[in-house]
Amino acid sequence: MDNFEIIQQTRETLGQLVVIRYLSDELFSFNWWFLLAILIGTYVVWWKLIDKNRLMELLLFGSFIAVSVTFVEGFGTTIGLWGYKYKLVPVVPSLFPFDYTLIPILHLLTYQHTTSWKSYFITSTIVSAVYSFAFSPLLVWMGIMHIEHWRHYYHFIILLTISNLARFVLLAVIKRQFSAEGVSSKHLISPVLQPATRPIDPPEKE
C-alpha cells in the first residue's frame, strides 16, 4: 500500500469521524447557533451597508480576500496549526462563517469607506487587530477554535498583508481596464470610482 492509499483511507476515516461528532456534539449546540447567528447577521449588515452602485467592484474585492484567506485556512488546518471543534457544516476545513463571510465582508466595508492608502491601511489595521486579538481569542475561549503552535499575532500579520495586497491588486486591475478603454481619471488610485464610459465616437462625415 503506497502513501496515497494510506492518506485516502485516513481521509475517509476522518470524514466519518467528523460527521459522527457533528451530529452528536456540534449540530444545534449553543456554539452552532452562535456561528449561525454570525453568518446571518454578517450578511444582513453587509447588504444594508454595501454600496449597491459599486456591487461588482466590491464583490471582486471580497472574493480576492475570501480566496486568499481560504488558502491560508486550508494550509493551517492541514498541518495542524489550528482547527475548529464546532462547525456550521461537517466540512474540514471549516470555511463558514469566517473565511467566506466575516473576514471578507469586514475588509470589503473597509475598502468601501476609505478613499486613500493611508485611511485604508489604518482602518484595515484596526479591523485585523480586532479580529486577531479579540474575536479569535473569544472563539478559543468558547471552545469553538483550537490552536496549536500558533499565535494570534500571526493571524494579524496575515490578515493585514492579504487585505492590503487585495486593494493593490484590485486598483491595478481597475487602472488597467480604464487604460484599455481610453478613460483617464485622477481617481484611478482611489476606490471612489465612477463607472467607466467609453469616449463618444465622433459623428460620421457625410
N, C-alpha and C. Protein backbone atom coordinates (compact mmCIF):
# COMPACT_ATOMS: atom_id res chain seq x y z
N MET A 1 0.85 -1.20 0.00
CA MET A 1 0.00 0.00 0.00
C MET A 1 0.89 1.26 0.00
N ASP A 2 0.70 2.12 -1.03
CA ASP A 2 1.54 3.31 -1.10
C ASP A 2 0.96 4.41 -0.20
N ASN A 3 1.70 5.51 -0.13
CA ASN A 3 1.31 6.59 0.77
C ASN A 3 -0.03 7.21 0.41
N PHE A 4 -0.33 7.29 -0.90
CA PHE A 4 -1.60 7.89 -1.30
C PHE A 4 -2.78 7.09 -0.78
N GLU A 5 -2.69 5.77 -0.86
CA GLU A 5 -3.79 4.93 -0.38
C GLU A 5 -3.96 5.09 1.12
N ILE A 6 -2.85 5.21 1.84
CA ILE A 6 -2.93 5.43 3.29
C ILE A 6 -3.61 6.76 3.58
N ILE A 7 -3.20 7.80 2.83
CA ILE A 7 -3.80 9.12 3.02
C ILE A 7 -5.29 9.09 2.70
N GLN A 8 -5.66 8.39 1.61
CA GLN A 8 -7.07 8.31 1.22
C GLN A 8 -7.90 7.60 2.28
N GLN A 9 -7.40 6.52 2.83
CA GLN A 9 -8.11 5.80 3.89
C GLN A 9 -8.24 6.67 5.13
N THR A 10 -7.18 7.42 5.43
CA THR A 10 -7.21 8.32 6.58
C THR A 10 -8.26 9.41 6.38
N ARG A 11 -8.36 9.92 5.15
CA ARG A 11 -9.37 10.93 4.85
C ARG A 11 -10.79 10.38 5.03
N GLU A 12 -10.99 9.16 4.57
CA GLU A 12 -12.31 8.55 4.72
C GLU A 12 -12.66 8.37 6.19
N THR A 13 -11.68 7.91 6.97
CA THR A 13 -11.91 7.74 8.40
C THR A 13 -12.17 9.08 9.07
N LEU A 14 -11.38 10.09 8.69
CA LEU A 14 -11.57 11.43 9.24
C LEU A 14 -12.95 11.96 8.90
N GLY A 15 -13.38 11.78 7.65
CA GLY A 15 -14.70 12.25 7.25
C GLY A 15 -15.81 11.62 8.06
N GLN A 16 -15.69 10.32 8.32
CA GLN A 16 -16.70 9.63 9.13
C GLN A 16 -16.71 10.16 10.56
N LEU A 17 -15.53 10.37 11.12
CA LEU A 17 -15.44 10.89 12.49
C LEU A 17 -16.00 12.30 12.59
N VAL A 18 -15.72 13.12 11.57
CA VAL A 18 -16.23 14.50 11.56
C VAL A 18 -17.76 14.50 11.56
N VAL A 19 -18.36 13.66 10.72
CA VAL A 19 -19.82 13.60 10.64
C VAL A 19 -20.42 13.08 11.95
N ILE A 20 -19.79 12.05 12.52
CA ILE A 20 -20.30 11.49 13.77
C ILE A 20 -20.27 12.53 14.88
N ARG A 21 -19.14 13.23 15.01
CA ARG A 21 -19.05 14.26 16.04
C ARG A 21 -20.01 15.40 15.77
N TYR A 22 -20.14 15.78 14.49
CA TYR A 22 -21.03 16.88 14.12
C TYR A 22 -22.47 16.58 14.54
N LEU A 23 -22.92 15.38 14.26
CA LEU A 23 -24.31 15.02 14.56
C LEU A 23 -24.55 14.82 16.05
N SER A 24 -23.53 14.37 16.76
CA SER A 24 -23.73 14.05 18.18
C SER A 24 -23.43 15.22 19.11
N ASP A 25 -22.44 16.05 18.76
CA ASP A 25 -22.00 17.09 19.69
C ASP A 25 -22.15 18.53 19.18
N GLU A 26 -22.08 18.73 17.87
CA GLU A 26 -21.99 20.10 17.35
C GLU A 26 -23.34 20.66 16.89
N LEU A 27 -24.07 19.89 16.09
CA LEU A 27 -25.31 20.38 15.50
C LEU A 27 -26.32 20.80 16.56
N PHE A 28 -26.83 22.04 16.42
CA PHE A 28 -27.84 22.63 17.31
C PHE A 28 -27.33 22.89 18.73
N SER A 29 -26.01 22.84 18.92
CA SER A 29 -25.45 23.24 20.21
C SER A 29 -25.44 24.77 20.29
N PHE A 30 -25.10 25.31 21.46
CA PHE A 30 -25.04 26.76 21.61
C PHE A 30 -24.03 27.37 20.65
N ASN A 31 -22.85 26.72 20.56
CA ASN A 31 -21.82 27.24 19.67
C ASN A 31 -22.26 27.18 18.21
N TRP A 32 -23.02 26.16 17.84
CA TRP A 32 -23.52 26.06 16.46
C TRP A 32 -24.47 27.22 16.16
N TRP A 33 -25.39 27.51 17.09
CA TRP A 33 -26.31 28.64 16.92
C TRP A 33 -25.56 29.96 16.90
N PHE A 34 -24.48 30.06 17.67
CA PHE A 34 -23.64 31.26 17.68
C PHE A 34 -23.02 31.49 16.31
N LEU A 35 -22.50 30.42 15.70
CA LEU A 35 -21.92 30.53 14.37
C LEU A 35 -22.97 30.89 13.33
N LEU A 36 -24.15 30.31 13.45
CA LEU A 36 -25.23 30.61 12.51
C LEU A 36 -25.65 32.08 12.63
N ALA A 37 -25.70 32.58 13.86
CA ALA A 37 -26.07 33.98 14.07
C ALA A 37 -25.04 34.91 13.45
N ILE A 38 -23.76 34.57 13.57
CA ILE A 38 -22.71 35.37 12.94
C ILE A 38 -22.88 35.38 11.43
N LEU A 39 -23.15 34.22 10.86
CA LEU A 39 -23.32 34.10 9.41
C LEU A 39 -24.46 34.98 8.92
N ILE A 40 -25.63 34.81 9.53
CA ILE A 40 -26.81 35.56 9.08
C ILE A 40 -26.65 37.05 9.37
N GLY A 41 -26.19 37.37 10.58
CA GLY A 41 -26.04 38.77 10.97
C GLY A 41 -25.06 39.51 10.09
N THR A 42 -23.96 38.84 9.72
CA THR A 42 -22.95 39.49 8.88
C THR A 42 -23.51 39.82 7.51
N TYR A 43 -24.27 38.89 6.92
CA TYR A 43 -24.85 39.14 5.60
C TYR A 43 -25.92 40.23 5.65
N VAL A 44 -26.69 40.27 6.72
CA VAL A 44 -27.70 41.32 6.85
C VAL A 44 -27.04 42.69 6.92
N VAL A 45 -26.02 42.81 7.76
CA VAL A 45 -25.30 44.08 7.88
C VAL A 45 -24.64 44.44 6.56
N TRP A 46 -24.04 43.46 5.92
CA TRP A 46 -23.38 43.69 4.63
C TRP A 46 -24.36 44.24 3.60
N TRP A 47 -25.52 43.64 3.49
CA TRP A 47 -26.49 44.06 2.48
C TRP A 47 -27.02 45.47 2.76
N LYS A 48 -27.12 45.83 4.03
CA LYS A 48 -27.61 47.16 4.39
C LYS A 48 -26.54 48.24 4.15
N LEU A 49 -25.27 47.89 4.32
CA LEU A 49 -24.21 48.89 4.26
C LEU A 49 -23.50 48.97 2.92
N ILE A 50 -23.58 47.92 2.11
CA ILE A 50 -22.80 47.90 0.88
C ILE A 50 -23.35 48.92 -0.11
N ASP A 51 -22.45 49.54 -0.83
CA ASP A 51 -22.80 50.50 -1.88
C ASP A 51 -23.27 49.71 -3.10
N LYS A 52 -24.58 49.71 -3.35
CA LYS A 52 -25.13 48.91 -4.45
C LYS A 52 -24.64 49.39 -5.82
N ASN A 53 -24.21 50.65 -5.91
CA ASN A 53 -23.71 51.17 -7.18
C ASN A 53 -22.32 50.62 -7.52
N ARG A 54 -21.64 50.06 -6.53
CA ARG A 54 -20.28 49.53 -6.75
C ARG A 54 -20.25 48.03 -6.44
N LEU A 55 -21.37 47.36 -6.63
CA LEU A 55 -21.51 45.99 -6.18
C LEU A 55 -20.48 45.05 -6.82
N MET A 56 -20.30 45.15 -8.13
CA MET A 56 -19.36 44.25 -8.81
C MET A 56 -17.93 44.47 -8.33
N GLU A 57 -17.55 45.74 -8.20
CA GLU A 57 -16.20 46.06 -7.73
C GLU A 57 -15.97 45.52 -6.32
N LEU A 58 -16.94 45.73 -5.43
CA LEU A 58 -16.79 45.31 -4.04
C LEU A 58 -16.82 43.79 -3.91
N LEU A 59 -17.66 43.13 -4.72
CA LEU A 59 -17.70 41.66 -4.68
C LEU A 59 -16.38 41.07 -5.18
N LEU A 60 -15.79 41.71 -6.18
CA LEU A 60 -14.49 41.25 -6.66
C LEU A 60 -13.43 41.37 -5.58
N PHE A 61 -13.45 42.50 -4.87
CA PHE A 61 -12.51 42.70 -3.78
C PHE A 61 -12.72 41.64 -2.68
N GLY A 62 -13.98 41.45 -2.28
CA GLY A 62 -14.29 40.47 -1.25
C GLY A 62 -13.92 39.05 -1.67
N SER A 63 -14.08 38.74 -2.95
CA SER A 63 -13.73 37.40 -3.44
C SER A 63 -12.23 37.17 -3.35
N PHE A 64 -11.44 38.19 -3.65
CA PHE A 64 -9.98 38.07 -3.53
C PHE A 64 -9.60 37.78 -2.08
N ILE A 65 -10.22 38.49 -1.15
CA ILE A 65 -9.96 38.25 0.27
C ILE A 65 -10.35 36.83 0.64
N ALA A 66 -11.54 36.40 0.21
CA ALA A 66 -12.05 35.07 0.58
C ALA A 66 -11.13 33.96 0.05
N VAL A 67 -10.70 34.07 -1.21
CA VAL A 67 -9.82 33.06 -1.79
C VAL A 67 -8.50 32.99 -1.05
N SER A 68 -7.94 34.14 -0.74
CA SER A 68 -6.65 34.19 -0.05
C SER A 68 -6.75 33.61 1.36
N VAL A 69 -7.79 34.00 2.10
CA VAL A 69 -7.96 33.51 3.46
C VAL A 69 -8.25 32.02 3.46
N THR A 70 -9.02 31.55 2.47
CA THR A 70 -9.32 30.12 2.38
C THR A 70 -8.06 29.30 2.15
N PHE A 71 -7.14 29.82 1.33
CA PHE A 71 -5.87 29.14 1.10
C PHE A 71 -5.09 29.02 2.42
N VAL A 72 -5.02 30.11 3.17
CA VAL A 72 -4.32 30.09 4.45
C VAL A 72 -5.00 29.12 5.41
N GLU A 73 -6.33 29.14 5.42
CA GLU A 73 -7.09 28.24 6.29
C GLU A 73 -6.80 26.78 5.97
N GLY A 74 -6.81 26.46 4.69
CA GLY A 74 -6.54 25.08 4.29
C GLY A 74 -5.15 24.63 4.69
N PHE A 75 -4.17 25.51 4.51
CA PHE A 75 -2.79 25.18 4.87
C PHE A 75 -2.66 25.00 6.37
N GLY A 76 -3.25 25.93 7.15
CA GLY A 76 -3.11 25.87 8.60
C GLY A 76 -3.76 24.65 9.21
N THR A 77 -4.96 24.32 8.73
CA THR A 77 -5.65 23.14 9.28
C THR A 77 -5.00 21.84 8.82
N THR A 78 -4.45 21.83 7.61
CA THR A 78 -3.82 20.61 7.09
C THR A 78 -2.61 20.22 7.92
N ILE A 79 -1.80 21.20 8.32
CA ILE A 79 -0.59 20.87 9.10
C ILE A 79 -0.85 20.96 10.61
N GLY A 80 -2.10 21.20 10.99
CA GLY A 80 -2.47 21.11 12.40
C GLY A 80 -2.16 22.32 13.25
N LEU A 81 -2.05 23.51 12.62
CA LEU A 81 -1.79 24.71 13.42
C LEU A 81 -3.02 25.15 14.19
N TRP A 82 -4.18 24.94 13.62
CA TRP A 82 -5.44 25.24 14.30
C TRP A 82 -6.55 24.38 13.71
N GLY A 83 -7.66 24.37 14.40
CA GLY A 83 -8.82 23.62 13.93
C GLY A 83 -10.07 24.12 14.63
N TYR A 84 -11.22 23.63 14.18
CA TYR A 84 -12.49 24.08 14.74
C TYR A 84 -13.24 22.90 15.34
N LYS A 85 -13.55 23.03 16.62
CA LYS A 85 -14.30 21.99 17.31
C LYS A 85 -15.78 22.05 16.99
N TYR A 86 -16.23 23.21 16.57
CA TYR A 86 -17.64 23.38 16.20
C TYR A 86 -17.70 24.01 14.82
N LYS A 87 -18.55 23.45 13.96
CA LYS A 87 -18.67 23.90 12.57
C LYS A 87 -20.15 24.02 12.20
N LEU A 88 -20.43 24.92 11.26
CA LEU A 88 -21.80 25.02 10.77
C LEU A 88 -22.16 23.81 9.92
N VAL A 89 -21.23 23.35 9.12
CA VAL A 89 -21.42 22.17 8.29
C VAL A 89 -20.23 21.24 8.52
N PRO A 90 -20.44 19.93 8.39
CA PRO A 90 -19.36 18.98 8.69
C PRO A 90 -18.33 18.90 7.58
N VAL A 91 -17.58 19.98 7.41
CA VAL A 91 -16.57 20.06 6.36
C VAL A 91 -15.25 20.50 7.00
N VAL A 92 -14.17 19.87 6.58
CA VAL A 92 -12.83 20.24 7.05
C VAL A 92 -12.01 20.69 5.85
N PRO A 93 -11.44 21.92 5.87
CA PRO A 93 -11.53 22.90 6.95
C PRO A 93 -12.88 23.59 6.98
N SER A 94 -13.22 24.16 8.13
CA SER A 94 -14.49 24.86 8.30
C SER A 94 -14.36 26.26 7.72
N LEU A 95 -15.10 26.54 6.64
CA LEU A 95 -14.95 27.80 5.92
C LEU A 95 -16.05 28.81 6.24
N PHE A 96 -17.08 28.37 6.91
CA PHE A 96 -18.16 29.27 7.32
C PHE A 96 -18.14 29.38 8.83
N PRO A 97 -18.46 30.54 9.39
CA PRO A 97 -18.82 31.79 8.72
C PRO A 97 -17.66 32.77 8.61
N PHE A 98 -16.42 32.30 8.78
CA PHE A 98 -15.29 33.23 8.87
C PHE A 98 -14.65 33.51 7.52
N ASP A 99 -14.14 32.49 6.86
CA ASP A 99 -13.36 32.70 5.63
C ASP A 99 -14.21 33.21 4.48
N TYR A 100 -15.44 32.75 4.38
CA TYR A 100 -16.31 33.14 3.28
C TYR A 100 -17.23 34.31 3.63
N THR A 101 -17.27 34.68 4.90
CA THR A 101 -18.27 35.67 5.30
C THR A 101 -17.67 36.82 6.11
N LEU A 102 -17.32 36.56 7.34
CA LEU A 102 -16.96 37.64 8.26
C LEU A 102 -15.71 38.40 7.82
N ILE A 103 -14.62 37.69 7.57
CA ILE A 103 -13.36 38.35 7.21
C ILE A 103 -13.47 39.12 5.89
N PRO A 104 -13.99 38.51 4.80
CA PRO A 104 -14.12 39.28 3.56
C PRO A 104 -15.01 40.50 3.68
N ILE A 105 -16.12 40.37 4.40
CA ILE A 105 -17.06 41.48 4.49
C ILE A 105 -16.50 42.62 5.33
N LEU A 106 -15.80 42.31 6.41
CA LEU A 106 -15.19 43.36 7.21
C LEU A 106 -14.20 44.18 6.38
N HIS A 107 -13.38 43.51 5.61
CA HIS A 107 -12.40 44.23 4.80
C HIS A 107 -13.05 44.86 3.57
N LEU A 108 -14.10 44.25 3.06
CA LEU A 108 -14.84 44.84 1.95
C LEU A 108 -15.43 46.19 2.35
N LEU A 109 -16.02 46.25 3.53
CA LEU A 109 -16.58 47.51 4.01
C LEU A 109 -15.48 48.53 4.30
N THR A 110 -14.33 48.04 4.74
CA THR A 110 -13.19 48.93 4.94
C THR A 110 -12.77 49.56 3.61
N TYR A 111 -12.69 48.74 2.59
CA TYR A 111 -12.34 49.23 1.25
C TYR A 111 -13.36 50.25 0.75
N GLN A 112 -14.64 49.96 0.99
CA GLN A 112 -15.71 50.83 0.51
C GLN A 112 -15.66 52.22 1.14
N HIS A 113 -15.33 52.28 2.42
CA HIS A 113 -15.46 53.54 3.16
C HIS A 113 -14.15 54.30 3.33
N THR A 114 -13.09 53.88 2.64
CA THR A 114 -11.83 54.62 2.71
C THR A 114 -11.47 55.10 1.31
N THR A 115 -10.80 56.24 1.23
CA THR A 115 -10.53 56.85 -0.07
C THR A 115 -9.04 57.06 -0.34
N SER A 116 -8.18 56.58 0.54
CA SER A 116 -6.74 56.73 0.32
C SER A 116 -6.03 55.54 0.94
N TRP A 117 -4.77 55.37 0.54
CA TRP A 117 -3.98 54.28 1.12
C TRP A 117 -3.80 54.46 2.62
N LYS A 118 -3.61 55.71 3.04
CA LYS A 118 -3.39 55.96 4.46
C LYS A 118 -4.60 55.58 5.29
N SER A 119 -5.79 56.04 4.87
CA SER A 119 -7.00 55.73 5.63
C SER A 119 -7.32 54.24 5.56
N TYR A 120 -7.06 53.63 4.40
CA TYR A 120 -7.32 52.19 4.29
C TYR A 120 -6.38 51.39 5.18
N PHE A 121 -5.10 51.74 5.16
CA PHE A 121 -4.13 51.00 5.98
C PHE A 121 -4.46 51.10 7.47
N ILE A 122 -4.80 52.30 7.91
CA ILE A 122 -5.13 52.49 9.32
C ILE A 122 -6.37 51.68 9.70
N THR A 123 -7.41 51.78 8.86
CA THR A 123 -8.66 51.07 9.17
C THR A 123 -8.50 49.56 9.08
N SER A 124 -7.79 49.09 8.05
CA SER A 124 -7.58 47.64 7.92
C SER A 124 -6.72 47.10 9.05
N THR A 125 -5.81 47.92 9.56
CA THR A 125 -5.01 47.52 10.71
C THR A 125 -5.89 47.34 11.93
N ILE A 126 -6.81 48.27 12.14
CA ILE A 126 -7.73 48.17 13.27
C ILE A 126 -8.63 46.94 13.14
N VAL A 127 -9.18 46.74 11.94
CA VAL A 127 -10.07 45.60 11.70
C VAL A 127 -9.33 44.28 11.91
N SER A 128 -8.12 44.17 11.37
CA SER A 128 -7.33 42.94 11.52
C SER A 128 -6.96 42.71 12.98
N ALA A 129 -6.66 43.79 13.71
CA ALA A 129 -6.31 43.66 15.12
C ALA A 129 -7.49 43.21 15.96
N VAL A 130 -8.67 43.78 15.70
CA VAL A 130 -9.86 43.39 16.46
C VAL A 130 -10.19 41.93 16.22
N TYR A 131 -10.11 41.50 14.96
CA TYR A 131 -10.40 40.09 14.66
C TYR A 131 -9.36 39.17 15.31
N SER A 132 -8.08 39.53 15.20
CA SER A 132 -7.00 38.64 15.66
C SER A 132 -6.83 38.62 17.17
N PHE A 133 -7.00 39.77 17.82
CA PHE A 133 -6.70 39.86 19.25
C PHE A 133 -7.94 39.90 20.14
N ALA A 134 -9.12 39.98 19.53
CA ALA A 134 -10.36 39.98 20.32
C ALA A 134 -11.27 38.82 19.92
N PHE A 135 -11.59 38.74 18.62
CA PHE A 135 -12.56 37.73 18.19
C PHE A 135 -11.96 36.33 18.20
N SER A 136 -10.76 36.16 17.67
CA SER A 136 -10.14 34.82 17.68
C SER A 136 -9.94 34.28 19.10
N PRO A 137 -9.42 35.08 20.04
CA PRO A 137 -9.35 34.57 21.42
C PRO A 137 -10.71 34.22 22.00
N LEU A 138 -11.76 34.96 21.60
CA LEU A 138 -13.11 34.61 22.05
C LEU A 138 -13.52 33.24 21.55
N LEU A 139 -13.20 32.94 20.29
CA LEU A 139 -13.51 31.62 19.74
C LEU A 139 -12.77 30.51 20.48
N VAL A 140 -11.52 30.78 20.84
CA VAL A 140 -10.75 29.80 21.60
C VAL A 140 -11.35 29.61 22.98
N TRP A 141 -11.72 30.71 23.63
CA TRP A 141 -12.32 30.65 24.97
C TRP A 141 -13.65 29.90 24.97
N MET A 142 -14.42 30.07 23.91
CA MET A 142 -15.71 29.39 23.81
C MET A 142 -15.57 27.92 23.43
N GLY A 143 -14.36 27.52 23.05
CA GLY A 143 -14.15 26.13 22.65
C GLY A 143 -14.51 25.86 21.21
N ILE A 144 -14.75 26.90 20.43
CA ILE A 144 -15.06 26.72 19.01
C ILE A 144 -13.80 26.46 18.21
N MET A 145 -12.75 27.16 18.56
CA MET A 145 -11.48 27.06 17.83
C MET A 145 -10.39 26.51 18.74
N HIS A 146 -9.51 25.73 18.17
CA HIS A 146 -8.36 25.19 18.90
C HIS A 146 -7.10 25.57 18.15
N ILE A 147 -6.12 26.12 18.84
CA ILE A 147 -4.85 26.49 18.20
C ILE A 147 -3.72 25.65 18.77
N GLU A 148 -2.74 25.36 17.92
CA GLU A 148 -1.61 24.52 18.30
C GLU A 148 -0.36 25.09 17.66
N HIS A 149 0.62 25.49 18.48
CA HIS A 149 1.85 26.10 17.95
C HIS A 149 1.52 27.31 17.06
N TRP A 150 0.64 28.14 17.53
CA TRP A 150 0.18 29.29 16.75
C TRP A 150 -0.03 30.47 17.69
N ARG A 151 0.18 31.67 17.18
CA ARG A 151 -0.02 32.89 17.96
C ARG A 151 -1.00 33.79 17.22
N HIS A 152 -1.78 34.52 17.99
CA HIS A 152 -2.80 35.36 17.37
C HIS A 152 -2.18 36.47 16.53
N TYR A 153 -1.00 36.92 16.89
CA TYR A 153 -0.41 37.99 16.09
C TYR A 153 0.04 37.48 14.72
N TYR A 154 0.22 36.16 14.54
CA TYR A 154 0.47 35.61 13.21
C TYR A 154 -0.75 35.88 12.32
N HIS A 155 -1.92 35.65 12.89
CA HIS A 155 -3.16 35.90 12.16
C HIS A 155 -3.26 37.37 11.77
N PHE A 156 -2.88 38.24 12.69
CA PHE A 156 -2.94 39.67 12.44
C PHE A 156 -2.07 40.05 11.24
N ILE A 157 -0.85 39.56 11.22
CA ILE A 157 0.07 39.88 10.13
C ILE A 157 -0.46 39.36 8.80
N ILE A 158 -0.99 38.14 8.81
CA ILE A 158 -1.51 37.53 7.58
C ILE A 158 -2.71 38.31 7.05
N LEU A 159 -3.66 38.64 7.94
CA LEU A 159 -4.85 39.37 7.50
C LEU A 159 -4.51 40.75 6.97
N LEU A 160 -3.60 41.44 7.66
CA LEU A 160 -3.21 42.77 7.22
C LEU A 160 -2.52 42.72 5.86
N THR A 161 -1.68 41.72 5.66
CA THR A 161 -0.99 41.56 4.38
C THR A 161 -1.98 41.26 3.26
N ILE A 162 -2.90 40.33 3.51
CA ILE A 162 -3.89 39.95 2.49
C ILE A 162 -4.77 41.14 2.12
N SER A 163 -5.24 41.87 3.11
CA SER A 163 -6.17 42.97 2.85
C SER A 163 -5.51 44.07 2.02
N ASN A 164 -4.26 44.40 2.32
CA ASN A 164 -3.57 45.45 1.57
C ASN A 164 -3.16 44.96 0.18
N LEU A 165 -2.79 43.70 0.08
CA LEU A 165 -2.48 43.14 -1.24
C LEU A 165 -3.72 43.13 -2.12
N ALA A 166 -4.87 42.82 -1.52
CA ALA A 166 -6.13 42.80 -2.28
C ALA A 166 -6.44 44.18 -2.86
N ARG A 167 -6.26 45.22 -2.06
CA ARG A 167 -6.52 46.58 -2.55
C ARG A 167 -5.56 46.94 -3.67
N PHE A 168 -4.29 46.60 -3.49
CA PHE A 168 -3.29 46.91 -4.52
C PHE A 168 -3.65 46.22 -5.83
N VAL A 169 -4.00 44.94 -5.77
CA VAL A 169 -4.31 44.18 -6.98
C VAL A 169 -5.56 44.72 -7.66
N LEU A 170 -6.62 44.98 -6.87
CA LEU A 170 -7.86 45.45 -7.47
C LEU A 170 -7.69 46.80 -8.14
N LEU A 171 -7.00 47.74 -7.48
CA LEU A 171 -6.80 49.04 -8.09
C LEU A 171 -5.94 48.94 -9.34
N ALA A 172 -4.99 48.01 -9.35
CA ALA A 172 -4.17 47.80 -10.55
C ALA A 172 -5.03 47.26 -11.69
N VAL A 173 -5.96 46.36 -11.38
CA VAL A 173 -6.85 45.81 -12.41
C VAL A 173 -7.76 46.91 -12.95
N ILE A 174 -8.32 47.73 -12.06
CA ILE A 174 -9.19 48.82 -12.49
C ILE A 174 -8.42 49.81 -13.37
N LYS A 175 -7.21 50.14 -12.95
CA LYS A 175 -6.39 51.08 -13.73
C LYS A 175 -6.10 50.51 -15.11
N ARG A 176 -5.81 49.20 -15.17
CA ARG A 176 -5.54 48.56 -16.46
C ARG A 176 -6.78 48.58 -17.34
N GLN A 177 -7.94 48.34 -16.77
CA GLN A 177 -9.17 48.35 -17.55
C GLN A 177 -9.47 49.75 -18.08
N PHE A 178 -9.33 50.76 -17.22
CA PHE A 178 -9.58 52.13 -17.64
C PHE A 178 -8.62 52.53 -18.76
N SER A 179 -7.37 52.12 -18.62
CA SER A 179 -6.38 52.44 -19.64
C SER A 179 -6.74 51.81 -20.97
N ALA A 180 -7.20 50.56 -20.94
CA ALA A 180 -7.58 49.86 -22.16
C ALA A 180 -8.80 50.50 -22.82
N GLU A 181 -9.68 51.10 -22.00
CA GLU A 181 -10.87 51.74 -22.53
C GLU A 181 -10.64 53.20 -22.90
N GLY A 182 -9.43 53.69 -22.68
CA GLY A 182 -9.12 55.06 -23.02
C GLY A 182 -9.71 56.07 -22.06
N VAL A 183 -9.95 55.63 -20.81
CA VAL A 183 -10.53 56.51 -19.80
C VAL A 183 -9.41 57.07 -18.94
N SER A 184 -9.33 58.35 -18.82
CA SER A 184 -8.33 59.00 -17.99
C SER A 184 -8.99 59.63 -16.78
N SER A 185 -8.46 59.32 -15.57
CA SER A 185 -9.07 59.88 -14.36
C SER A 185 -8.00 60.02 -13.29
N LYS A 186 -8.05 61.13 -12.59
CA LYS A 186 -7.11 61.34 -11.49
C LYS A 186 -7.44 60.47 -10.29
N HIS A 187 -8.61 59.80 -10.34
CA HIS A 187 -9.03 58.98 -9.21
C HIS A 187 -8.72 57.50 -9.42
N LEU A 188 -7.85 57.19 -10.39
CA LEU A 188 -7.57 55.79 -10.67
C LEU A 188 -6.92 55.07 -9.49
N ILE A 189 -6.24 55.80 -8.62
CA ILE A 189 -5.60 55.15 -7.48
C ILE A 189 -6.49 55.21 -6.25
N SER A 190 -7.73 55.56 -6.43
CA SER A 190 -8.68 55.64 -5.32
C SER A 190 -9.86 54.74 -5.60
N PRO A 191 -10.41 54.08 -4.56
CA PRO A 191 -11.58 53.22 -4.78
C PRO A 191 -12.85 54.00 -5.08
N VAL A 192 -12.82 55.32 -4.92
CA VAL A 192 -14.00 56.11 -5.25
C VAL A 192 -14.01 56.33 -6.75
N LEU A 193 -14.58 55.39 -7.46
CA LEU A 193 -14.50 55.39 -8.91
C LEU A 193 -15.89 55.53 -9.51
N GLN A 194 -15.97 56.25 -10.59
CA GLN A 194 -17.19 56.35 -11.35
C GLN A 194 -17.19 55.25 -12.41
N PRO A 195 -18.37 54.78 -12.82
CA PRO A 195 -18.40 53.75 -13.87
C PRO A 195 -17.69 54.25 -15.12
N ALA A 196 -16.87 53.39 -15.67
CA ALA A 196 -16.11 53.78 -16.85
C ALA A 196 -17.04 53.94 -18.05
N THR A 197 -16.83 54.99 -18.81
CA THR A 197 -17.60 55.22 -20.03
C THR A 197 -16.65 55.40 -21.18
N ARG A 198 -16.98 54.82 -22.27
CA ARG A 198 -16.12 54.94 -23.43
C ARG A 198 -16.31 56.30 -24.09
N PRO A 199 -15.25 56.85 -24.68
CA PRO A 199 -15.38 58.13 -25.38
C PRO A 199 -16.44 58.06 -26.44
N ILE A 200 -17.19 59.12 -26.62
CA ILE A 200 -18.22 59.16 -27.64
C ILE A 200 -17.56 59.27 -29.01
N ASP A 201 -17.95 58.37 -29.90
CA ASP A 201 -17.38 58.40 -31.24
C ASP A 201 -17.78 59.68 -31.95
N PRO A 202 -16.89 60.29 -32.67
CA PRO A 202 -17.24 61.50 -33.43
C PRO A 202 -18.24 61.17 -34.51
N PRO A 203 -19.12 62.12 -34.84
CA PRO A 203 -20.11 61.86 -35.88
C PRO A 203 -19.46 61.57 -37.22
N GLU A 204 -20.04 60.63 -37.92
CA GLU A 204 -19.50 60.26 -39.23
C GLU A 204 -19.71 61.39 -40.21
N LYS A 205 -18.71 61.62 -41.05
CA LYS A 205 -18.82 62.64 -42.09
C LYS A 205 -19.64 62.11 -43.25
N GLU A 206 -20.51 62.96 -43.73
CA GLU A 206 -21.33 62.58 -44.87
C GLU A 206 -20.54 62.70 -46.18
